[in-house]
Amino acid sequence: MTYRVCFVCTGNICRSPMAEHVFRRHVEDAGLGGLVEVDSAGTGGWHEGDGADPRTVAVLDENGYTSVHTARQFRASWFPALDLVIALDEGHLRELRGLARTPEEAARIRLLRSYDPAAGDGLDVPDPYYGGREGFEECLEMVEAASGGLLAAVRRELEERTP
């Protein structure tokens, strides 16, 4: 059975597509590409159908990641098909929990940086949209730092499913 992870930010053009592409690489490098499906969405639909922000694309490409992306809005109806919904900041976490229809759905929502032991109390990945390139590079660093811990958690979940 496929394990499904969806990263969620505001418009699905900066942080969540970056997290999607970075985590997908971690999954593939771990040999789990056939077992784990990775995607992303936004809490709002302002950019639905658009590609990722050009600065996101540039930072991903320059660091050897794929960057093909089409923005979409998260739908509450997706919860039953998802194993983990990864919020990029506290605001997304609150919005997603508000969309969850059951305690079980709400329990699947986590903050990305909660998987980074060095993150401390600052678990938000700041929105780089209104800033310069350095914000996108910082975003990538935070996403990369949390991806290993997230991969370990997903691997544990997969092992628990195996009889």
N, C-alpha and C. Protein backbone atom coordinates (compact mmCIF):
# COMPACT_ATOMS: atom_id res chain seq x y z
N MET A 1 0.84 -1.18 0.00
CA MET A 1 0.00 0.00 0.00
C MET A 1 0.89 1.26 0.00
N THR A 2 0.57 2.21 -0.83
CA THR A 2 1.36 3.43 -0.95
C THR A 2 1.15 4.33 0.26
N TYR A 3 2.24 4.91 0.75
CA TYR A 3 2.21 5.88 1.84
C TYR A 3 2.21 7.26 1.19
N ARG A 4 1.25 8.11 1.55
CA ARG A 4 1.08 9.40 0.88
C ARG A 4 1.35 10.56 1.82
N VAL A 5 2.22 11.49 1.34
CA VAL A 5 2.60 12.68 2.09
C VAL A 5 2.28 13.90 1.23
N CYS A 6 1.61 14.89 1.83
CA CYS A 6 1.30 16.14 1.12
C CYS A 6 1.82 17.31 1.95
N PHE A 7 2.66 18.14 1.34
CA PHE A 7 3.19 19.34 1.97
C PHE A 7 2.26 20.51 1.65
N VAL A 8 1.99 21.36 2.64
CA VAL A 8 1.04 22.45 2.44
C VAL A 8 1.62 23.78 2.94
N CYS A 9 1.59 24.79 2.06
CA CYS A 9 1.91 26.16 2.44
C CYS A 9 0.74 27.05 2.00
N THR A 10 0.98 28.32 1.80
CA THR A 10 -0.11 29.25 1.51
C THR A 10 -0.62 29.13 0.08
N GLY A 11 0.24 29.39 -0.90
CA GLY A 11 -0.21 29.41 -2.29
C GLY A 11 0.31 28.27 -3.14
N ASN A 12 1.13 27.40 -2.57
CA ASN A 12 1.71 26.25 -3.27
C ASN A 12 2.61 26.66 -4.42
N ILE A 13 3.37 27.75 -4.21
CA ILE A 13 4.34 28.14 -5.24
C ILE A 13 5.76 28.33 -4.69
N CYS A 14 5.93 28.35 -3.36
CA CYS A 14 7.26 28.55 -2.79
C CYS A 14 7.69 27.40 -1.89
N ARG A 15 7.19 27.42 -0.66
CA ARG A 15 7.67 26.47 0.35
C ARG A 15 7.23 25.03 0.11
N SER A 16 5.95 24.82 -0.14
CA SER A 16 5.50 23.42 -0.26
C SER A 16 6.03 22.72 -1.51
N PRO A 17 6.13 23.39 -2.68
CA PRO A 17 6.75 22.67 -3.79
C PRO A 17 8.23 22.39 -3.54
N MET A 18 8.90 23.31 -2.83
CA MET A 18 10.30 23.06 -2.50
C MET A 18 10.40 21.83 -1.61
N ALA A 19 9.55 21.75 -0.59
CA ALA A 19 9.56 20.59 0.31
C ALA A 19 9.21 19.31 -0.45
N GLU A 20 8.25 19.40 -1.36
CA GLU A 20 7.85 18.24 -2.15
C GLU A 20 9.04 17.68 -2.93
N HIS A 21 9.74 18.54 -3.64
CA HIS A 21 10.85 18.07 -4.48
C HIS A 21 12.03 17.57 -3.67
N VAL A 22 12.34 18.24 -2.56
CA VAL A 22 13.44 17.80 -1.70
C VAL A 22 13.10 16.45 -1.07
N PHE A 23 11.90 16.33 -0.53
CA PHE A 23 11.54 15.07 0.13
C PHE A 23 11.43 13.93 -0.87
N ARG A 24 10.90 14.22 -2.06
CA ARG A 24 10.82 13.17 -3.08
C ARG A 24 12.22 12.62 -3.38
N ARG A 25 13.22 13.48 -3.45
CA ARG A 25 14.59 13.03 -3.69
C ARG A 25 15.05 12.14 -2.54
N HIS A 26 14.77 12.53 -1.30
CA HIS A 26 15.14 11.69 -0.15
C HIS A 26 14.49 10.32 -0.25
N VAL A 27 13.22 10.30 -0.61
CA VAL A 27 12.48 9.05 -0.74
C VAL A 27 13.11 8.18 -1.82
N GLU A 28 13.40 8.77 -2.97
CA GLU A 28 13.99 8.01 -4.08
C GLU A 28 15.38 7.51 -3.72
N ASP A 29 16.19 8.37 -3.10
CA ASP A 29 17.54 7.96 -2.71
C ASP A 29 17.52 6.82 -1.69
N ALA A 30 16.45 6.75 -0.90
CA ALA A 30 16.31 5.68 0.10
C ALA A 30 15.73 4.41 -0.51
N GLY A 31 15.43 4.44 -1.81
CA GLY A 31 14.86 3.26 -2.46
C GLY A 31 13.39 3.04 -2.15
N LEU A 32 12.70 4.10 -1.72
CA LEU A 32 11.30 3.97 -1.33
C LEU A 32 10.34 4.60 -2.34
N GLY A 33 10.85 4.94 -3.51
CA GLY A 33 10.03 5.62 -4.51
C GLY A 33 8.76 4.88 -4.90
N GLY A 34 8.79 3.57 -4.87
CA GLY A 34 7.61 2.79 -5.21
C GLY A 34 6.62 2.66 -4.06
N LEU A 35 7.02 3.08 -2.87
CA LEU A 35 6.18 2.92 -1.68
C LEU A 35 5.62 4.24 -1.14
N VAL A 36 6.27 5.36 -1.50
CA VAL A 36 5.90 6.66 -0.94
C VAL A 36 5.57 7.62 -2.07
N GLU A 37 4.40 8.22 -1.98
CA GLU A 37 3.97 9.23 -2.95
C GLU A 37 4.04 10.60 -2.27
N VAL A 38 4.63 11.57 -2.95
CA VAL A 38 4.85 12.90 -2.38
C VAL A 38 4.23 13.95 -3.28
N ASP A 39 3.45 14.86 -2.69
CA ASP A 39 2.92 15.99 -3.46
C ASP A 39 2.77 17.20 -2.55
N SER A 40 2.13 18.24 -3.08
CA SER A 40 1.98 19.47 -2.30
C SER A 40 0.74 20.23 -2.74
N ALA A 41 0.34 21.18 -1.89
CA ALA A 41 -0.83 22.01 -2.17
C ALA A 41 -0.74 23.27 -1.33
N GLY A 42 -1.67 24.19 -1.57
CA GLY A 42 -1.72 25.42 -0.80
C GLY A 42 -3.04 25.52 -0.05
N THR A 43 -3.05 26.33 1.01
CA THR A 43 -4.30 26.54 1.74
C THR A 43 -5.25 27.41 0.93
N GLY A 44 -4.71 28.20 0.01
CA GLY A 44 -5.53 29.06 -0.84
C GLY A 44 -5.35 28.71 -2.30
N GLY A 45 -6.27 29.16 -3.13
CA GLY A 45 -6.23 28.81 -4.54
C GLY A 45 -5.78 29.92 -5.47
N TRP A 46 -5.16 30.97 -4.92
CA TRP A 46 -4.78 32.13 -5.74
C TRP A 46 -3.88 31.77 -6.92
N HIS A 47 -3.02 30.79 -6.74
CA HIS A 47 -2.05 30.45 -7.79
C HIS A 47 -2.37 29.13 -8.49
N GLU A 48 -3.56 28.60 -8.26
CA GLU A 48 -3.92 27.30 -8.82
C GLU A 48 -3.66 27.28 -10.32
N GLY A 49 -2.96 26.26 -10.77
CA GLY A 49 -2.63 26.10 -12.18
C GLY A 49 -1.30 26.73 -12.58
N ASP A 50 -0.73 27.57 -11.70
CA ASP A 50 0.55 28.21 -12.00
C ASP A 50 1.71 27.27 -11.67
N GLY A 51 2.86 27.59 -12.23
CA GLY A 51 4.08 26.89 -11.85
C GLY A 51 4.60 27.44 -10.54
N ALA A 52 5.69 26.87 -10.07
CA ALA A 52 6.33 27.37 -8.85
C ALA A 52 6.93 28.75 -9.12
N ASP A 53 7.11 29.52 -8.06
CA ASP A 53 7.75 30.83 -8.16
C ASP A 53 9.12 30.64 -8.83
N PRO A 54 9.50 31.54 -9.74
CA PRO A 54 10.79 31.39 -10.43
C PRO A 54 11.99 31.30 -9.49
N ARG A 55 11.90 31.94 -8.33
CA ARG A 55 13.00 31.86 -7.36
C ARG A 55 13.06 30.47 -6.72
N THR A 56 11.92 29.84 -6.51
CA THR A 56 11.88 28.46 -6.02
C THR A 56 12.52 27.55 -7.05
N VAL A 57 12.11 27.72 -8.30
CA VAL A 57 12.65 26.91 -9.39
C VAL A 57 14.16 27.06 -9.48
N ALA A 58 14.65 28.30 -9.42
CA ALA A 58 16.09 28.55 -9.53
C ALA A 58 16.87 27.88 -8.41
N VAL A 59 16.39 28.03 -7.17
CA VAL A 59 17.09 27.44 -6.03
C VAL A 59 17.06 25.91 -6.11
N LEU A 60 15.93 25.34 -6.49
CA LEU A 60 15.86 23.89 -6.64
C LEU A 60 16.80 23.41 -7.74
N ASP A 61 16.71 24.04 -8.91
CA ASP A 61 17.55 23.63 -10.04
C ASP A 61 19.04 23.74 -9.71
N GLU A 62 19.44 24.83 -9.09
CA GLU A 62 20.85 25.04 -8.76
C GLU A 62 21.37 24.06 -7.73
N ASN A 63 20.46 23.45 -6.99
CA ASN A 63 20.87 22.48 -5.98
C ASN A 63 20.58 21.04 -6.39
N GLY A 64 20.31 20.84 -7.68
CA GLY A 64 20.18 19.50 -8.23
C GLY A 64 18.85 18.82 -8.04
N TYR A 65 17.80 19.59 -7.70
CA TYR A 65 16.48 19.01 -7.53
C TYR A 65 15.64 19.24 -8.78
N THR A 66 14.61 18.42 -8.95
CA THR A 66 13.63 18.68 -10.00
C THR A 66 12.77 19.86 -9.56
N SER A 67 12.04 20.46 -10.51
CA SER A 67 11.24 21.64 -10.13
C SER A 67 9.93 21.76 -10.89
N VAL A 68 9.57 20.77 -11.70
CA VAL A 68 8.31 20.83 -12.44
C VAL A 68 7.16 20.80 -11.44
N HIS A 69 6.22 21.75 -11.60
CA HIS A 69 5.18 21.91 -10.58
C HIS A 69 3.97 22.63 -11.14
N THR A 70 2.79 22.25 -10.67
CA THR A 70 1.55 22.97 -10.94
C THR A 70 0.83 23.16 -9.62
N ALA A 71 0.60 24.43 -9.25
CA ALA A 71 -0.01 24.74 -7.96
C ALA A 71 -1.47 24.30 -7.91
N ARG A 72 -1.89 23.91 -6.71
CA ARG A 72 -3.28 23.53 -6.48
C ARG A 72 -3.64 23.82 -5.03
N GLN A 73 -4.92 23.83 -4.75
CA GLN A 73 -5.41 24.11 -3.41
C GLN A 73 -5.75 22.81 -2.70
N PHE A 74 -5.39 22.74 -1.42
CA PHE A 74 -5.69 21.56 -0.61
C PHE A 74 -7.19 21.45 -0.41
N ARG A 75 -7.70 20.24 -0.46
CA ARG A 75 -9.12 19.97 -0.26
C ARG A 75 -9.29 19.03 0.93
N ALA A 76 -10.27 19.31 1.77
CA ALA A 76 -10.55 18.46 2.94
C ALA A 76 -10.85 17.03 2.51
N SER A 77 -11.42 16.87 1.34
CA SER A 77 -11.77 15.54 0.84
C SER A 77 -10.55 14.66 0.59
N TRP A 78 -9.36 15.24 0.59
CA TRP A 78 -8.13 14.47 0.37
C TRP A 78 -7.68 13.71 1.62
N PHE A 79 -8.11 14.16 2.80
CA PHE A 79 -7.60 13.56 4.05
C PHE A 79 -7.64 12.04 4.07
N PRO A 80 -8.74 11.39 3.69
CA PRO A 80 -8.76 9.93 3.79
C PRO A 80 -7.66 9.23 2.98
N ALA A 81 -7.19 9.86 1.91
CA ALA A 81 -6.17 9.25 1.06
C ALA A 81 -4.75 9.57 1.50
N LEU A 82 -4.59 10.45 2.49
CA LEU A 82 -3.26 10.89 2.91
C LEU A 82 -2.87 10.27 4.25
N ASP A 83 -1.59 9.94 4.36
CA ASP A 83 -1.07 9.42 5.62
C ASP A 83 -0.49 10.54 6.48
N LEU A 84 0.12 11.52 5.83
CA LEU A 84 0.69 12.68 6.53
C LEU A 84 0.40 13.93 5.72
N VAL A 85 0.01 15.00 6.42
CA VAL A 85 -0.16 16.31 5.83
C VAL A 85 0.83 17.20 6.57
N ILE A 86 1.81 17.72 5.84
CA ILE A 86 2.90 18.46 6.46
C ILE A 86 2.73 19.95 6.22
N ALA A 87 2.47 20.67 7.31
CA ALA A 87 2.29 22.12 7.25
C ALA A 87 3.65 22.80 7.36
N LEU A 88 3.81 23.92 6.64
CA LEU A 88 5.08 24.64 6.66
C LEU A 88 5.15 25.70 7.75
N ASP A 89 4.02 26.11 8.30
CA ASP A 89 4.05 27.01 9.45
C ASP A 89 2.80 26.83 10.30
N GLU A 90 2.78 27.50 11.44
CA GLU A 90 1.68 27.37 12.40
C GLU A 90 0.34 27.79 11.81
N GLY A 91 0.34 28.82 10.96
CA GLY A 91 -0.90 29.25 10.33
C GLY A 91 -1.50 28.17 9.45
N HIS A 92 -0.65 27.49 8.69
CA HIS A 92 -1.12 26.38 7.86
C HIS A 92 -1.64 25.24 8.73
N LEU A 93 -0.92 25.00 9.83
CA LEU A 93 -1.33 23.94 10.75
C LEU A 93 -2.74 24.21 11.26
N ARG A 94 -3.01 25.44 11.69
CA ARG A 94 -4.35 25.80 12.19
C ARG A 94 -5.40 25.66 11.09
N GLU A 95 -5.09 26.16 9.89
CA GLU A 95 -6.07 26.06 8.80
C GLU A 95 -6.37 24.61 8.45
N LEU A 96 -5.35 23.79 8.39
CA LEU A 96 -5.55 22.38 8.07
C LEU A 96 -6.33 21.66 9.15
N ARG A 97 -6.04 21.96 10.40
CA ARG A 97 -6.80 21.33 11.48
C ARG A 97 -8.26 21.76 11.44
N GLY A 98 -8.50 22.99 10.97
CA GLY A 98 -9.87 23.46 10.81
C GLY A 98 -10.61 22.73 9.70
N LEU A 99 -9.87 22.24 8.71
CA LEU A 99 -10.47 21.49 7.61
C LEU A 99 -10.71 20.01 7.96
N ALA A 100 -9.92 19.52 8.92
CA ALA A 100 -10.03 18.10 9.30
C ALA A 100 -11.42 17.83 9.85
N ARG A 101 -12.02 16.75 9.39
CA ARG A 101 -13.39 16.42 9.78
C ARG A 101 -13.48 15.46 10.95
N THR A 102 -12.35 14.83 11.28
CA THR A 102 -12.33 13.87 12.39
C THR A 102 -11.03 14.05 13.17
N PRO A 103 -10.99 13.58 14.40
CA PRO A 103 -9.73 13.61 15.16
C PRO A 103 -8.62 12.82 14.47
N GLU A 104 -8.98 11.76 13.76
CA GLU A 104 -7.99 10.95 13.05
C GLU A 104 -7.35 11.76 11.92
N GLU A 105 -8.15 12.53 11.20
CA GLU A 105 -7.60 13.38 10.14
C GLU A 105 -6.70 14.44 10.74
N ALA A 106 -7.13 15.07 11.82
CA ALA A 106 -6.32 16.11 12.47
C ALA A 106 -5.00 15.56 12.97
N ALA A 107 -5.00 14.29 13.40
CA ALA A 107 -3.78 13.67 13.93
C ALA A 107 -2.73 13.44 12.84
N ARG A 108 -3.12 13.48 11.58
CA ARG A 108 -2.18 13.27 10.47
C ARG A 108 -1.43 14.54 10.09
N ILE A 109 -1.76 15.67 10.70
CA ILE A 109 -1.16 16.96 10.33
C ILE A 109 0.00 17.26 11.26
N ARG A 110 1.16 17.57 10.68
CA ARG A 110 2.36 17.87 11.45
C ARG A 110 3.08 19.08 10.84
N LEU A 111 3.90 19.73 11.64
CA LEU A 111 4.77 20.79 11.14
C LEU A 111 6.05 20.17 10.61
N LEU A 112 6.52 20.62 9.46
CA LEU A 112 7.72 20.05 8.86
C LEU A 112 8.92 20.13 9.80
N ARG A 113 9.14 21.29 10.40
CA ARG A 113 10.35 21.45 11.21
C ARG A 113 10.29 20.68 12.51
N SER A 114 9.16 20.07 12.84
CA SER A 114 9.11 19.21 14.02
C SER A 114 9.96 17.96 13.81
N TYR A 115 10.35 17.70 12.57
CA TYR A 115 11.21 16.56 12.24
C TYR A 115 12.69 16.94 12.24
N ASP A 116 13.01 18.19 12.57
CA ASP A 116 14.39 18.66 12.62
C ASP A 116 14.77 18.86 14.08
N PRO A 117 15.59 17.96 14.65
CA PRO A 117 15.93 18.07 16.07
C PRO A 117 16.66 19.37 16.42
N ALA A 118 17.28 20.03 15.45
CA ALA A 118 18.01 21.28 15.70
C ALA A 118 17.11 22.51 15.60
N ALA A 119 15.84 22.33 15.26
CA ALA A 119 14.95 23.47 15.02
C ALA A 119 14.61 24.23 16.30
N GLY A 120 14.67 23.57 17.44
CA GLY A 120 14.31 24.25 18.69
C GLY A 120 12.83 24.59 18.72
N ASP A 121 12.52 25.78 19.23
CA ASP A 121 11.11 26.19 19.34
C ASP A 121 10.59 26.85 18.07
N GLY A 122 11.46 27.30 17.19
CA GLY A 122 11.03 27.98 15.97
C GLY A 122 10.71 26.98 14.87
N LEU A 123 9.46 26.54 14.83
CA LEU A 123 9.10 25.48 13.89
C LEU A 123 8.52 25.97 12.57
N ASP A 124 8.37 27.28 12.40
CA ASP A 124 7.85 27.80 11.13
C ASP A 124 8.97 27.88 10.10
N VAL A 125 8.63 27.56 8.85
CA VAL A 125 9.50 27.87 7.72
C VAL A 125 8.98 29.21 7.20
N PRO A 126 9.74 30.29 7.36
CA PRO A 126 9.25 31.61 6.96
C PRO A 126 8.92 31.68 5.47
N ASP A 127 7.89 32.44 5.15
CA ASP A 127 7.47 32.62 3.75
C ASP A 127 8.48 33.52 3.05
N PRO A 128 9.16 33.02 2.01
CA PRO A 128 10.16 33.83 1.31
C PRO A 128 9.58 34.73 0.22
N TYR A 129 8.29 34.63 -0.05
CA TYR A 129 7.67 35.24 -1.23
C TYR A 129 7.96 36.74 -1.37
N TYR A 130 7.85 37.50 -0.30
CA TYR A 130 7.99 38.96 -0.38
C TYR A 130 9.43 39.44 -0.19
N GLY A 131 10.35 38.52 -0.05
CA GLY A 131 11.75 38.90 0.16
C GLY A 131 12.60 38.58 -1.05
N GLY A 132 13.88 38.54 -0.82
CA GLY A 132 14.84 38.25 -1.88
C GLY A 132 15.21 36.78 -1.95
N ARG A 133 16.16 36.52 -2.77
CA ARG A 133 16.62 35.15 -3.01
C ARG A 133 17.10 34.45 -1.74
N GLU A 134 17.70 35.22 -0.83
CA GLU A 134 18.24 34.61 0.39
C GLU A 134 17.15 33.90 1.19
N GLY A 135 15.93 34.40 1.14
CA GLY A 135 14.82 33.74 1.82
C GLY A 135 14.53 32.37 1.24
N PHE A 136 14.67 32.23 -0.06
CA PHE A 136 14.44 30.94 -0.72
C PHE A 136 15.56 29.97 -0.39
N GLU A 137 16.78 30.48 -0.29
CA GLU A 137 17.90 29.63 0.09
C GLU A 137 17.76 29.16 1.54
N GLU A 138 17.31 30.06 2.42
CA GLU A 138 17.07 29.70 3.82
C GLU A 138 15.95 28.65 3.91
N CYS A 139 14.92 28.83 3.10
CA CYS A 139 13.83 27.86 3.05
C CYS A 139 14.36 26.48 2.67
N LEU A 140 15.20 26.43 1.65
CA LEU A 140 15.77 25.15 1.22
C LEU A 140 16.58 24.52 2.35
N GLU A 141 17.36 25.31 3.05
CA GLU A 141 18.17 24.77 4.16
C GLU A 141 17.27 24.15 5.23
N MET A 142 16.18 24.84 5.56
CA MET A 142 15.27 24.33 6.59
C MET A 142 14.57 23.06 6.13
N VAL A 143 14.16 23.04 4.89
CA VAL A 143 13.49 21.85 4.33
C VAL A 143 14.45 20.67 4.32
N GLU A 144 15.68 20.90 3.86
CA GLU A 144 16.66 19.81 3.84
C GLU A 144 16.95 19.30 5.25
N ALA A 145 17.05 20.21 6.22
CA ALA A 145 17.36 19.81 7.60
C ALA A 145 16.27 18.94 8.20
N ALA A 146 15.02 19.15 7.81
CA ALA A 146 13.91 18.37 8.37
C ALA A 146 13.62 17.09 7.59
N SER A 147 14.07 17.01 6.35
CA SER A 147 13.70 15.88 5.49
C SER A 147 14.23 14.55 5.97
N GLY A 148 15.41 14.52 6.55
CA GLY A 148 15.95 13.26 7.06
C GLY A 148 15.11 12.69 8.19
N GLY A 149 14.70 13.55 9.11
CA GLY A 149 13.85 13.11 10.22
C GLY A 149 12.48 12.66 9.75
N LEU A 150 11.94 13.39 8.77
CA LEU A 150 10.65 12.99 8.20
C LEU A 150 10.78 11.64 7.50
N LEU A 151 11.85 11.45 6.76
CA LEU A 151 12.05 10.16 6.09
C LEU A 151 12.14 9.03 7.11
N ALA A 152 12.84 9.25 8.20
CA ALA A 152 12.95 8.22 9.24
C ALA A 152 11.57 7.89 9.81
N ALA A 153 10.74 8.90 10.02
CA ALA A 153 9.39 8.67 10.55
C ALA A 153 8.54 7.89 9.55
N VAL A 154 8.63 8.24 8.28
CA VAL A 154 7.87 7.53 7.25
C VAL A 154 8.35 6.09 7.15
N ARG A 155 9.66 5.89 7.21
CA ARG A 155 10.21 4.53 7.15
C ARG A 155 9.68 3.68 8.32
N ARG A 156 9.62 4.27 9.52
CA ARG A 156 9.07 3.54 10.68
C ARG A 156 7.61 3.16 10.44
N GLU A 157 6.83 4.09 9.89
CA GLU A 157 5.42 3.82 9.59
C GLU A 157 5.30 2.67 8.58
N LEU A 158 6.14 2.69 7.58
CA LEU A 158 6.11 1.62 6.57
C LEU A 158 6.47 0.27 7.19
N GLU A 159 7.46 0.27 8.07
CA GLU A 159 7.85 -0.98 8.72
C GLU A 159 6.74 -1.52 9.61
N GLU A 160 6.00 -0.62 10.27
CA GLU A 160 4.87 -1.06 11.11
C GLU A 160 3.75 -1.67 10.30
N ARG A 161 3.62 -1.25 9.06
CA ARG A 161 2.57 -1.79 8.18
C ARG A 161 2.92 -3.16 7.64
N THR A 162 4.21 -3.48 7.60
CA THR A 162 4.66 -4.74 7.03
C THR A 162 4.44 -5.85 8.05
N PRO A 163 3.69 -6.89 7.65
CA PRO A 163 3.41 -7.99 8.59
C PRO A 163 4.63 -8.82 8.90
